[in-house]
């Protein structure tokens, strides 16, 4: 599965399941651990776990094997490692506190750049 296709699946699932403020950060050349980080806000810890679970089910149905998940039990930040994509689902309070967008100091990616339009 191509990275761009996987990225679209992740974004679509998050959008369909009411993830908020979905942001894609292009970190190619800024880190060797991944190419993209997707950050989404959940309304609660339960919602964060559910969003991650839905993404897991969808990518597994497409034949992709995730590398790992962290923070699923009672956490305000759940991380899903998909290799070239790392998904961070956080409550609004956790997102405000950690400010990952600011930490990485990168521009947001708009959909036309990701899709190659």
PDB file of N, CA and C in Angstrom:
ATOM      1  N   UNK A   1       0.851  -1.177   0.000  1.00  0.00           N
ATOM      2  CA  UNK A   1       0.000   0.000   0.000  1.00  0.00           C
ATOM      3  C   UNK A   1       0.894   1.237   0.000  1.00  0.00           C
ATOM      4  N   UNK A   2       0.581   2.163  -0.844  1.00  0.00           N
ATOM      5  CA  UNK A   2       1.338   3.405  -0.943  1.00  0.00           C
ATOM      6  C   UNK A   2       1.023   4.326   0.228  1.00  0.00           C
ATOM      7  N   UNK A   3       2.010   5.135   0.600  1.00  0.00           N
ATOM      8  CA  UNK A   3       1.851   6.048   1.737  1.00  0.00           C
ATOM      9  C   UNK A   3       0.690   7.002   1.528  1.00  0.00           C
ATOM     10  N   UNK A   4       0.557   7.544   0.329  1.00  0.00           N
ATOM     11  CA  UNK A   4      -0.523   8.512   0.057  1.00  0.00           C
ATOM     12  C   UNK A   4      -1.897   7.855   0.207  1.00  0.00           C
ATOM     13  N   UNK A   5      -2.010   6.624  -0.240  1.00  0.00           N
ATOM     14  CA  UNK A   5      -3.266   5.891  -0.107  1.00  0.00           C
ATOM     15  C   UNK A   5      -3.586   5.632   1.366  1.00  0.00           C
ATOM     16  N   UNK A   6      -2.578   5.231   2.115  1.00  0.00           N
ATOM     17  CA  UNK A   6      -2.757   4.993   3.549  1.00  0.00           C
ATOM     18  C   UNK A   6      -3.147   6.284   4.261  1.00  0.00           C
ATOM     19  N   UNK A   7      -2.514   7.377   3.876  1.00  0.00           N
ATOM     20  CA  UNK A   7      -2.826   8.677   4.471  1.00  0.00           C
ATOM     21  C   UNK A   7      -4.288   9.062   4.221  1.00  0.00           C
ATOM     22  N   UNK A   8      -4.765   8.813   3.030  1.00  0.00           N
ATOM     23  CA  UNK A   8      -6.164   9.108   2.713  1.00  0.00           C
ATOM     24  C   UNK A   8      -7.121   8.264   3.546  1.00  0.00           C
ATOM     25  N   UNK A   9      -6.792   6.991   3.721  1.00  0.00           N
ATOM     26  CA  UNK A   9      -7.633   6.103   4.532  1.00  0.00           C
ATOM     27  C   UNK A   9      -7.719   6.639   5.958  1.00  0.00           C
ATOM     28  N   UNK A  10      -6.568   6.995   6.531  1.00  0.00           N
ATOM     29  CA  UNK A  10      -6.532   7.514   7.905  1.00  0.00           C
ATOM     30  C   UNK A  10      -7.375   8.774   8.018  1.00  0.00           C
ATOM     31  N   UNK A  11      -7.181   9.708   7.114  1.00  0.00           N
ATOM     32  CA  UNK A  11      -7.929  10.965   7.168  1.00  0.00           C
ATOM     33  C   UNK A  11      -9.426  10.740   7.007  1.00  0.00           C
ATOM     34  N   UNK A  12      -9.801   9.861   6.086  1.00  0.00           N
ATOM     35  CA  UNK A  12     -11.226   9.592   5.851  1.00  0.00           C
ATOM     36  C   UNK A  12     -11.892   8.966   7.067  1.00  0.00           C
ATOM     37  N   UNK A  13     -11.229   7.998   7.681  1.00  0.00           N
ATOM     38  CA  UNK A  13     -11.805   7.360   8.872  1.00  0.00           C
ATOM     39  C   UNK A  13     -11.966   8.388   9.992  1.00  0.00           C
ATOM     40  N   UNK A  14     -10.945   9.197  10.212  1.00  0.00           N
ATOM     41  CA  UNK A  14     -11.024  10.212  11.269  1.00  0.00           C
ATOM     42  C   UNK A  14     -12.163  11.186  11.003  1.00  0.00           C
ATOM     43  N   UNK A  15     -12.307  11.597   9.755  1.00  0.00           N
ATOM     44  CA  UNK A  15     -13.365  12.533   9.398  1.00  0.00           C
ATOM     45  C   UNK A  15     -14.749  11.898   9.571  1.00  0.00           C
ATOM     46  N   UNK A  16     -14.903  10.669   9.094  1.00  0.00           N
ATOM     47  CA  UNK A  16     -16.193   9.970   9.204  1.00  0.00           C
ATOM     48  C   UNK A  16     -16.600   9.737  10.650  1.00  0.00           C
ATOM     49  N   UNK A  17     -15.622   9.540  11.526  1.00  0.00           N
ATOM     50  CA  UNK A  17     -15.897   9.219  12.922  1.00  0.00           C
ATOM     51  C   UNK A  17     -15.809  10.428  13.843  1.00  0.00           C
ATOM     52  N   UNK A  18     -15.897  11.595  13.255  1.00  0.00           N
ATOM     53  CA  UNK A  18     -16.002  12.859  14.003  1.00  0.00           C
ATOM     54  C   UNK A  18     -14.717  13.282  14.714  1.00  0.00           C
ATOM     55  N   UNK A  19     -13.565  12.916  14.147  1.00  0.00           N
ATOM     56  CA  UNK A  19     -12.315  13.473  14.641  1.00  0.00           C
ATOM     57  C   UNK A  19     -12.300  14.965  14.311  1.00  0.00           C
ATOM     58  N   UNK A  20     -11.739  15.757  15.161  1.00  0.00           N
ATOM     59  CA  UNK A  20     -11.754  17.206  14.978  1.00  0.00           C
ATOM     60  C   UNK A  20     -10.355  17.730  14.658  1.00  0.00           C
ATOM     61  N   UNK A  21     -10.301  18.849  13.934  1.00  0.00           N
ATOM     62  CA  UNK A  21      -9.053  19.547  13.618  1.00  0.00           C
ATOM     63  C   UNK A  21      -7.975  18.566  13.143  1.00  0.00           C
ATOM     64  N   UNK A  22      -8.294  17.811  12.111  1.00  0.00           N
ATOM     65  CA  UNK A  22      -7.371  16.815  11.560  1.00  0.00           C
ATOM     66  C   UNK A  22      -6.270  17.555  10.801  1.00  0.00           C
ATOM     67  N   UNK A  23      -5.041  17.314  11.219  1.00  0.00           N
ATOM     68  CA  UNK A  23      -3.892  18.010  10.651  1.00  0.00           C
ATOM     69  C   UNK A  23      -2.863  16.991  10.177  1.00  0.00           C
ATOM     70  N   UNK A  24      -2.324  17.225   8.985  1.00  0.00           N
ATOM     71  CA  UNK A  24      -1.263  16.378   8.449  1.00  0.00           C
ATOM     72  C   UNK A  24       0.016  17.198   8.410  1.00  0.00           C
ATOM     73  N   UNK A  25       1.058  16.677   9.061  1.00  0.00           N
ATOM     74  CA  UNK A  25       2.362  17.336   9.052  1.00  0.00           C
ATOM     75  C   UNK A  25       3.320  16.529   8.193  1.00  0.00           C
ATOM     76  N   UNK A  26       3.935  17.185   7.224  1.00  0.00           N
ATOM     77  CA  UNK A  26       4.942  16.557   6.379  1.00  0.00           C
ATOM     78  C   UNK A  26       6.279  16.709   7.095  1.00  0.00           C
ATOM     79  N   UNK A  27       6.832  15.595   7.583  1.00  0.00           N
ATOM     80  CA  UNK A  27       8.099  15.650   8.316  1.00  0.00           C
ATOM     81  C   UNK A  27       9.216  14.928   7.554  1.00  0.00           C
ATOM     82  N   UNK A  28       9.014  14.775   6.240  1.00  0.00           N
ATOM     83  CA  UNK A  28      10.053  14.168   5.409  1.00  0.00           C
ATOM     84  C   UNK A  28      11.290  15.061   5.481  1.00  0.00           C
ATOM     85  N   UNK A  29      12.422  14.469   5.804  1.00  0.00           N
ATOM     86  CA  UNK A  29      13.664  15.211   5.910  1.00  0.00           C
ATOM     87  C   UNK A  29      13.885  15.851   7.275  1.00  0.00           C
ATOM     88  N   UNK A  30      12.868  15.808   8.123  1.00  0.00           N
ATOM     89  CA  UNK A  30      12.991  16.381   9.460  1.00  0.00           C
ATOM     90  C   UNK A  30      13.204  15.301  10.518  1.00  0.00           C
ATOM     91  N   UNK A  31      12.824  14.064  10.186  1.00  0.00           N
ATOM     92  CA  UNK A  31      13.016  12.926  11.078  1.00  0.00           C
ATOM     93  C   UNK A  31      13.135  11.659  10.239  1.00  0.00           C
ATOM     94  N   UNK A  32      13.814  10.696  10.777  1.00  0.00           N
ATOM     95  CA  UNK A  32      13.958   9.434  10.042  1.00  0.00           C
ATOM     96  C   UNK A  32      12.903   8.409  10.476  1.00  0.00           C
ATOM     97  N   UNK A  33      12.068   8.755  11.442  1.00  0.00           N
ATOM     98  CA  UNK A  33      11.118   7.773  11.964  1.00  0.00           C
ATOM     99  C   UNK A  33       9.832   7.662  11.158  1.00  0.00           C
ATOM    100  N   UNK A  34       9.484   8.698  10.405  1.00  0.00           N
ATOM    101  CA  UNK A  34       8.227   8.687   9.651  1.00  0.00           C
ATOM    102  C   UNK A  34       8.263   9.776   8.589  1.00  0.00           C
ATOM    103  N   UNK A  35       7.295   9.718   7.679  1.00  0.00           N
ATOM    104  CA  UNK A  35       7.168  10.750   6.652  1.00  0.00           C
ATOM    105  C   UNK A  35       6.069  11.761   6.991  1.00  0.00           C
ATOM    106  N   UNK A  36       4.992  11.268   7.591  1.00  0.00           N
ATOM    107  CA  UNK A  36       3.862  12.135   7.927  1.00  0.00           C
ATOM    108  C   UNK A  36       3.394  11.870   9.344  1.00  0.00           C
ATOM    109  N   UNK A  37       2.957  12.925   9.993  1.00  0.00           N
ATOM    110  CA  UNK A  37       2.273  12.803  11.271  1.00  0.00           C
ATOM    111  C   UNK A  37       0.868  13.348  11.068  1.00  0.00           C
ATOM    112  N   UNK A  38      -0.091  12.578  11.515  1.00  0.00           N
ATOM    113  CA  UNK A  38      -1.481  13.015  11.470  1.00  0.00           C
ATOM    114  C   UNK A  38      -1.899  13.237  12.909  1.00  0.00           C
ATOM    115  N   UNK A  39      -2.451  14.418  13.165  1.00  0.00           N
ATOM    116  CA  UNK A  39      -2.896  14.773  14.513  1.00  0.00           C
ATOM    117  C   UNK A  39      -4.384  15.074  14.445  1.00  0.00           C
ATOM    118  N   UNK A  40      -5.138  14.487  15.352  1.00  0.00           N
ATOM    119  CA  UNK A  40      -6.579  14.736  15.407  1.00  0.00           C
ATOM    120  C   UNK A  40      -6.993  14.916  16.859  1.00  0.00           C
ATOM    121  N   UNK A  41      -8.014  15.729  17.055  1.00  0.00           N
ATOM    122  CA  UNK A  41      -8.553  15.966  18.386  1.00  0.00           C
ATOM    123  C   UNK A  41      -9.791  15.108  18.591  1.00  0.00           C
ATOM    124  N   UNK A  42      -9.862  14.477  19.754  1.00  0.00           N
ATOM    125  CA  UNK A  42     -11.014  13.668  20.147  1.00  0.00           C
ATOM    126  C   UNK A  42     -11.770  14.410  21.250  1.00  0.00           C
ATOM    127  N   UNK A  43     -13.044  14.117  21.377  1.00  0.00           N
ATOM    128  CA  UNK A  43     -13.866  14.811  22.368  1.00  0.00           C
ATOM    129  C   UNK A  43     -13.671  14.265  23.779  1.00  0.00           C
ATOM    130  N   UNK A  44     -13.090  13.052  23.884  1.00  0.00           N
ATOM    131  CA  UNK A  44     -12.869  12.424  25.189  1.00  0.00           C
ATOM    132  C   UNK A  44     -11.819  11.334  25.034  1.00  0.00           C
ATOM    133  N   UNK A  45     -11.398  10.768  26.164  1.00  0.00           N
ATOM    134  CA  UNK A  45     -10.448   9.650  26.111  1.00  0.00           C
ATOM    135  C   UNK A  45     -11.066   8.453  25.396  1.00  0.00           C
ATOM    136  N   UNK A  46     -12.332   8.196  25.651  1.00  0.00           N
ATOM    137  CA  UNK A  46     -13.034   7.087  24.988  1.00  0.00           C
ATOM    138  C   UNK A  46     -13.109   7.322  23.474  1.00  0.00           C
ATOM    139  N   UNK A  47     -13.371   8.555  23.084  1.00  0.00           N
ATOM    140  CA  UNK A  47     -13.428   8.891  21.659  1.00  0.00           C
ATOM    141  C   UNK A  47     -12.052   8.710  21.012  1.00  0.00           C
ATOM    142  N   UNK A  48     -10.984   9.078  21.718  1.00  0.00           N
ATOM    143  CA  UNK A  48      -9.619   8.906  21.198  1.00  0.00           C
ATOM    144  C   UNK A  48      -9.341   7.427  20.938  1.00  0.00           C
ATOM    145  N   UNK A  49      -9.707   6.573  21.872  1.00  0.00           N
ATOM    146  CA  UNK A  49      -9.502   5.132  21.699  1.00  0.00           C
ATOM    147  C   UNK A  49     -10.342   4.610  20.545  1.00  0.00           C
ATOM    148  N   UNK A  50     -11.585   5.061  20.457  1.00  0.00           N
ATOM    149  CA  UNK A  50     -12.474   4.603  19.383  1.00  0.00           C
ATOM    150  C   UNK A  50     -11.960   5.021  18.015  1.00  0.00           C
ATOM    151  N   UNK A  51     -11.517   6.269  17.894  1.00  0.00           N
ATOM    152  CA  UNK A  51     -10.980   6.731  16.611  1.00  0.00           C
ATOM    153  C   UNK A  51      -9.806   5.866  16.172  1.00  0.00           C
ATOM    154  N   UNK A  52      -8.912   5.593  17.103  1.00  0.00           N
ATOM    155  CA  UNK A  52      -7.750   4.768  16.792  1.00  0.00           C
ATOM    156  C   UNK A  52      -8.174   3.353  16.418  1.00  0.00           C
ATOM    157  N   UNK A  53      -9.137   2.800  17.145  1.00  0.00           N
ATOM    158  CA  UNK A  53      -9.638   1.455  16.839  1.00  0.00           C
ATOM    159  C   UNK A  53     -10.230   1.393  15.428  1.00  0.00           C
ATOM    160  N   UNK A  54     -11.002   2.403  15.045  1.00  0.00           N
ATOM    161  CA  UNK A  54     -11.600   2.423  13.707  1.00  0.00           C
ATOM    162  C   UNK A  54     -10.521   2.491  12.630  1.00  0.00           C
ATOM    163  N   UNK A  55      -9.483   3.294  12.851  1.00  0.00           N
ATOM    164  CA  UNK A  55      -8.385   3.363  11.889  1.00  0.00           C
ATOM    165  C   UNK A  55      -7.690   2.002  11.802  1.00  0.00           C
ATOM    166  N   UNK A  56      -7.446   1.379  12.956  1.00  0.00           N
ATOM    167  CA  UNK A  56      -6.814   0.052  12.980  1.00  0.00           C
ATOM    168  C   UNK A  56      -7.607  -0.964  12.163  1.00  0.00           C
ATOM    169  N   UNK A  57      -8.899  -1.014  12.368  1.00  0.00           N
ATOM    170  CA  UNK A  57      -9.745  -1.968  11.655  1.00  0.00           C
ATOM    171  C   UNK A  57      -9.674  -1.708  10.152  1.00  0.00           C
ATOM    172  N   UNK A  58      -9.778  -0.463   9.766  1.00  0.00           N
ATOM    173  CA  UNK A  58      -9.796  -0.119   8.337  1.00  0.00           C
ATOM    174  C   UNK A  58      -8.476  -0.467   7.652  1.00  0.00           C
ATOM    175  N   UNK A  59      -7.356  -0.115   8.263  1.00  0.00           N
ATOM    176  CA  UNK A  59      -6.069  -0.408   7.615  1.00  0.00           C
ATOM    177  C   UNK A  59      -5.797  -1.913   7.583  1.00  0.00           C
ATOM    178  N   UNK A  60      -6.228  -2.626   8.616  1.00  0.00           N
ATOM    179  CA  UNK A  60      -6.052  -4.085   8.611  1.00  0.00           C
ATOM    180  C   UNK A  60      -6.905  -4.731   7.521  1.00  0.00           C
ATOM    181  N   UNK A  61      -8.130  -4.207   7.307  1.00  0.00           N
ATOM    182  CA  UNK A  61      -8.987  -4.722   6.244  1.00  0.00           C
ATOM    183  C   UNK A  61      -8.364  -4.515   4.873  1.00  0.00           C
ATOM    184  N   UNK A  62      -7.551  -3.479   4.737  1.00  0.00           N
ATOM    185  CA  UNK A  62      -6.870  -3.192   3.473  1.00  0.00           C
ATOM    186  C   UNK A  62      -5.559  -3.959   3.352  1.00  0.00           C
ATOM    187  N   UNK A  63      -5.263  -4.809   4.342  1.00  0.00           N
ATOM    188  CA  UNK A  63      -4.081  -5.643   4.282  1.00  0.00           C
ATOM    189  C   UNK A  63      -2.823  -5.043   4.854  1.00  0.00           C
ATOM    190  N   UNK A  64      -2.951  -3.940   5.580  1.00  0.00           N
ATOM    191  CA  UNK A  64      -1.787  -3.282   6.160  1.00  0.00           C
ATOM    192  C   UNK A  64      -1.642  -3.675   7.619  1.00  0.00           C
ATOM    193  N   UNK A  65      -0.419  -3.969   8.030  1.00  0.00           N
ATOM    194  CA  UNK A  65      -0.176  -4.361   9.422  1.00  0.00           C
ATOM    195  C   UNK A  65       0.475  -3.209  10.176  1.00  0.00           C
ATOM    196  N   UNK A  66      -0.236  -2.606  11.119  1.00  0.00           N
ATOM    197  CA  UNK A  66       0.339  -1.524  11.933  1.00  0.00           C
ATOM    198  C   UNK A  66       1.527  -2.016  12.762  1.00  0.00           C
ATOM    199  N   UNK A  67       2.439  -1.116  13.053  1.00  0.00           N
ATOM    200  CA  UNK A  67       3.631  -1.467  13.824  1.00  0.00           C
ATOM    201  C   UNK A  67       3.387  -1.442  15.327  1.00  0.00           C
ATOM    202  N   UNK A  68       2.445  -0.617  15.801  1.00  0.00           N
ATOM    203  CA  UNK A  68       2.192  -0.566  17.230  1.00  0.00           C
ATOM    204  C   UNK A  68       1.197   0.505  17.621  1.00  0.00           C
ATOM    205  N   UNK A  69       0.672   0.368  18.820  1.00  0.00           N
ATOM    206  CA  UNK A  69      -0.277   1.322  19.390  1.00  0.00           C
ATOM    207  C   UNK A  69       0.149   1.591  20.822  1.00  0.00           C
ATOM    208  N   UNK A  70       0.074   2.843  21.224  1.00  0.00           N
ATOM    209  CA  UNK A  70       0.411   3.227  22.599  1.00  0.00           C
ATOM    210  C   UNK A  70      -0.696   4.094  23.176  1.00  0.00           C
ATOM    211  N   UNK A  71      -0.978   3.915  24.461  1.00  0.00           N
ATOM    212  CA  UNK A  71      -1.877   4.808  25.188  1.00  0.00           C
ATOM    213  C   UNK A  71      -3.351   4.523  25.062  1.00  0.00           C
ATOM    214  N   UNK A  72      -3.734   3.308  24.745  1.00  0.00           N
ATOM    215  CA  UNK A  72      -5.151   3.044  24.529  1.00  0.00           C
ATOM    216  C   UNK A  72      -5.987   2.990  25.791  1.00  0.00           C
ATOM    217  N   UNK A  73      -5.452   2.618  26.904  1.00  0.00           N
ATOM    218  CA  UNK A  73      -6.255   2.457  28.115  1.00  0.00           C
ATOM    219  C   UNK A  73      -6.261   3.734  28.953  1.00  0.00           C
ATOM    220  N   UNK A  74      -7.357   4.450  28.930  1.00  0.00           N
ATOM    221  CA  UNK A  74      -7.541   5.617  29.781  1.00  0.00           C
ATOM    222  C   UNK A  74      -6.522   6.709  29.564  1.00  0.00           C
ATOM    223  N   UNK A  75      -6.209   6.973  28.313  1.00  0.00           N
ATOM    224  CA  UNK A  75      -5.185   7.970  28.016  1.00  0.00           C
ATOM    225  C   UNK A  75      -5.779   9.107  27.195  1.00  0.00           C
ATOM    226  N   UNK A  76      -5.255  10.311  27.412  1.00  0.00           N
ATOM    227  CA  UNK A  76      -5.719  11.451  26.634  1.00  0.00           C
ATOM    228  C   UNK A  76      -4.916  11.621  25.341  1.00  0.00           C
ATOM    229  N   UNK A  77      -3.995  10.657  25.071  1.00  0.00           N
ATOM    230  CA  UNK A  77      -3.189  10.684  23.853  1.00  0.00           C
ATOM    231  C   UNK A  77      -2.951   9.247  23.406  1.00  0.00           C
ATOM    232  N   UNK A  78      -3.464   8.908  22.233  1.00  0.00           N
ATOM    233  CA  UNK A  78      -3.265   7.578  21.668  1.00  0.00           C
ATOM    234  C   UNK A  78      -2.441   7.726  20.400  1.00  0.00           C
ATOM    235  N   UNK A  79      -1.397   6.919  20.292  1.00  0.00           N
ATOM    236  CA  UNK A  79      -0.501   6.965  19.143  1.00  0.00           C
ATOM    237  C   UNK A  79      -0.601   5.650  18.391  1.00  0.00           C
ATOM    238  N   UNK A  80      -0.729   5.746  17.075  1.00  0.00           N
ATOM    239  CA  UNK A  80      -0.773   4.579  16.204  1.00  0.00           C
ATOM    240  C   UNK A  80       0.360   4.701  15.197  1.00  0.00           C
ATOM    241  N   UNK A  81       1.281   3.744  15.232  1.00  0.00           N
ATOM    242  CA  UNK A  81       2.437   3.754  14.340  1.00  0.00           C
ATOM    243  C   UNK A  81       2.123   2.914  13.112  1.00  0.00           C
ATOM    244  N   UNK A  82       2.043   3.585  11.972  1.00  0.00           N
ATOM    245  CA  UNK A  82       1.785   2.922  10.694  1.00  0.00           C
ATOM    246  C   UNK A  82       3.023   2.958   9.806  1.00  0.00           C
ATOM    247  N   UNK A  83       4.183   3.164  10.392  1.00  0.00           N
ATOM    248  CA  UNK A  83       5.422   3.219   9.624  1.00  0.00           C
ATOM    249  C   UNK A  83       5.647   4.598   9.033  1.00  0.00           C
ATOM    250  N   UNK A  84       5.256   4.788   7.784  1.00  0.00           N
ATOM    251  CA  UNK A  84       5.442   6.080   7.130  1.00  0.00           C
ATOM    252  C   UNK A  84       4.490   7.147   7.658  1.00  0.00           C
ATOM    253  N   UNK A  85       3.520   6.724   8.444  1.00  0.00           N
ATOM    254  CA  UNK A  85       2.552   7.644   9.049  1.00  0.00           C
ATOM    255  C   UNK A  85       2.436   7.312  10.529  1.00  0.00           C
ATOM    256  N   UNK A  86       2.484   8.345  11.351  1.00  0.00           N
ATOM    257  CA  UNK A  86       2.209   8.171  12.776  1.00  0.00           C
ATOM    258  C   UNK A  86       0.978   9.013  13.093  1.00  0.00           C
ATOM    259  N   UNK A  87      -0.021   8.356  13.655  1.00  0.00           N
ATOM    260  CA  UNK A  87      -1.271   9.015  14.016  1.00  0.00           C
ATOM    261  C   UNK A  87      -1.267   9.330  15.504  1.00  0.00           C
ATOM    262  N   UNK A  88      -1.556  10.590  15.827  1.00  0.00           N
ATOM    263  CA  UNK A  88      -1.704  11.042  17.206  1.00  0.00           C
ATOM    264  C   UNK A  88      -3.162  11.477  17.376  1.00  0.00           C
ATOM    265  N   UNK A  89      -3.897  10.816  18.258  1.00  0.00           N
ATOM    266  CA  UNK A  89      -5.266  11.228  18.580  1.00  0.00           C
ATOM    267  C   UNK A  89      -5.245  11.687  20.026  1.00  0.00           C
ATOM    268  N   UNK A  90      -5.624  12.949  20.245  1.00  0.00           N
ATOM    269  CA  UNK A  90      -5.487  13.557  21.567  1.00  0.00           C
ATOM    270  C   UNK A  90      -6.769  14.285  21.953  1.00  0.00           C
ATOM    271  N   UNK A  91      -6.991  14.383  23.257  1.00  0.00           N
ATOM    272  CA  UNK A  91      -8.065  15.262  23.718  1.00  0.00           C
ATOM    273  C   UNK A  91      -7.617  16.700  23.466  1.00  0.00           C
ATOM    274  N   UNK A  92      -8.553  17.621  23.502  1.00  0.00           N
ATOM    275  CA  UNK A  92      -8.217  19.031  23.265  1.00  0.00           C
ATOM    276  C   UNK A  92      -7.202  19.539  24.285  1.00  0.00           C
ATOM    277  N   UNK A  93      -7.339  19.110  25.537  1.00  0.00           N
ATOM    278  CA  UNK A  93      -6.419  19.559  26.581  1.00  0.00           C
ATOM    279  C   UNK A  93      -5.001  19.048  26.316  1.00  0.00           C
ATOM    280  N   UNK A  94      -4.867  17.798  25.934  1.00  0.00           N
ATOM    281  CA  UNK A  94      -3.548  17.227  25.647  1.00  0.00           C
ATOM    282  C   UNK A  94      -2.945  17.891  24.416  1.00  0.00           C
ATOM    283  N   UNK A  95      -3.753  18.135  23.419  1.00  0.00           N
ATOM    284  CA  UNK A  95      -3.237  18.759  22.193  1.00  0.00           C
ATOM    285  C   UNK A  95      -2.741  20.167  22.470  1.00  0.00           C
ATOM    286  N   UNK A  96      -3.470  20.895  23.263  1.00  0.00           N
ATOM    287  CA  UNK A  96      -3.051  22.249  23.630  1.00  0.00           C
ATOM    288  C   UNK A  96      -1.763  22.213  24.452  1.00  0.00           C
ATOM    289  N   UNK A  97      -1.654  21.261  25.347  1.00  0.00           N
ATOM    290  CA  UNK A  97      -0.483  21.168  26.218  1.00  0.00           C
ATOM    291  C   UNK A  97       0.782  20.787  25.435  1.00  0.00           C
ATOM    292  N   UNK A  98       0.681  19.761  24.587  1.00  0.00           N
ATOM    293  CA  UNK A  98       1.871  19.256  23.895  1.00  0.00           C
ATOM    294  C   UNK A  98       2.232  20.038  22.633  1.00  0.00           C
ATOM    295  N   UNK A  99       1.256  20.631  21.971  1.00  0.00           N
ATOM    296  CA  UNK A  99       1.482  21.477  20.801  1.00  0.00           C
ATOM    297  C   UNK A  99       2.463  20.855  19.800  1.00  0.00           C
ATOM    298  N   UNK A 100       2.132  19.678  19.317  1.00  0.00           N
ATOM    299  CA  UNK A 100       3.016  18.976  18.388  1.00  0.00           C
ATOM    300  C   UNK A 100       3.291  19.758  17.109  1.00  0.00           C
ATOM    301  N   UNK A 101       2.315  20.484  16.621  1.00  0.00           N
ATOM    302  CA  UNK A 101       2.541  21.284  15.408  1.00  0.00           C
ATOM    303  C   UNK A 101       3.656  22.295  15.632  1.00  0.00           C
ATOM    304  N   UNK A 102       3.639  22.917  16.773  1.00  0.00           N
ATOM    305  CA  UNK A 102       4.665  23.904  17.103  1.00  0.00           C
ATOM    306  C   UNK A 102       6.018  23.219  17.329  1.00  0.00           C
ATOM    307  N   UNK A 103       6.001  22.069  17.975  1.00  0.00           N
ATOM    308  CA  UNK A 103       7.218  21.320  18.236  1.00  0.00           C
ATOM    309  C   UNK A 103       7.948  20.974  16.941  1.00  0.00           C
ATOM    310  N   UNK A 104       7.203  20.537  15.944  1.00  0.00           N
ATOM    311  CA  UNK A 104       7.818  20.151  14.685  1.00  0.00           C
ATOM    312  C   UNK A 104       8.073  21.336  13.768  1.00  0.00           C
ATOM    313  N   UNK A 105       7.464  22.474  14.057  1.00  0.00           N
ATOM    314  CA  UNK A 105       7.682  23.708  13.285  1.00  0.00           C
ATOM    315  C   UNK A 105       7.663  23.458  11.783  1.00  0.00           C
ATOM    316  N   UNK A 106       6.615  22.806  11.345  1.00  0.00           N
ATOM    317  CA  UNK A 106       6.456  22.562   9.918  1.00  0.00           C
ATOM    318  C   UNK A 106       5.113  23.096   9.477  1.00  0.00           C
ATOM    319  N   UNK A 107       5.014  23.328   8.190  1.00  0.00           N
ATOM    320  CA  UNK A 107       3.754  23.795   7.646  1.00  0.00           C
ATOM    321  C   UNK A 107       2.786  22.629   7.518  1.00  0.00           C
ATOM    322  N   UNK A 108       1.523  22.962   7.632  1.00  0.00           N
ATOM    323  CA  UNK A 108       0.505  21.945   7.420  1.00  0.00           C
ATOM    324  C   UNK A 108       0.475  21.602   5.942  1.00  0.00           C
ATOM    325  N   UNK A 109       0.086  20.378   5.639  1.00  0.00           N
ATOM    326  CA  UNK A 109      -0.019  19.924   4.265  1.00  0.00           C
ATOM    327  C   UNK A 109      -1.467  20.048   3.844  1.00  0.00           C
ATOM    328  N   UNK A 110      -1.699  20.695   2.672  1.00  0.00           N
ATOM    329  CA  UNK A 110      -3.084  20.732   2.232  1.00  0.00           C
ATOM    330  C   UNK A 110      -3.337  19.515   1.342  1.00  0.00           C
ATOM    331  N   UNK A 111      -4.606  19.193   1.145  1.00  0.00           N
ATOM    332  CA  UNK A 111      -4.983  17.962   0.445  1.00  0.00           C
ATOM    333  C   UNK A 111      -4.413  17.866  -0.961  1.00  0.00           C
ATOM    334  N   UNK A 112      -4.293  18.975  -1.672  1.00  0.00           N
ATOM    335  CA  UNK A 112      -3.798  18.904  -3.047  1.00  0.00           C
ATOM    336  C   UNK A 112      -2.337  18.463  -3.091  1.00  0.00           C
ATOM    337  N   UNK A 113      -1.536  18.824  -2.059  1.00  0.00           N
ATOM    338  CA  UNK A 113      -0.145  18.385  -2.026  1.00  0.00           C
ATOM    339  C   UNK A 113      -0.053  16.891  -1.782  1.00  0.00           C
ATOM    340  N   UNK A 114      -0.893  16.370  -0.899  1.00  0.00           N
ATOM    341  CA  UNK A 114      -0.859  14.949  -0.554  1.00  0.00           C
ATOM    342  C   UNK A 114      -1.325  14.104  -1.736  1.00  0.00           C
ATOM    343  N   UNK A 115      -2.329  14.559  -2.421  1.00  0.00           N
ATOM    344  CA  UNK A 115      -2.899  13.780  -3.517  1.00  0.00           C
ATOM    345  C   UNK A 115      -2.168  13.997  -4.832  1.00  0.00           C
ATOM    346  N   UNK A 116      -1.198  14.910  -4.857  1.00  0.00           N
ATOM    347  CA  UNK A 116      -0.434  15.156  -6.065  1.00  0.00           C
ATOM    348  C   UNK A 116      -1.219  15.871  -7.138  1.00  0.00           C
ATOM    349  N   UNK A 117      -2.182  16.668  -6.734  1.00  0.00           N
ATOM    350  CA  UNK A 117      -3.024  17.390  -7.703  1.00  0.00           C
ATOM    351  C   UNK A 117      -2.341  18.674  -8.132  1.00  0.00           C
TER     352      UNK A 117
END
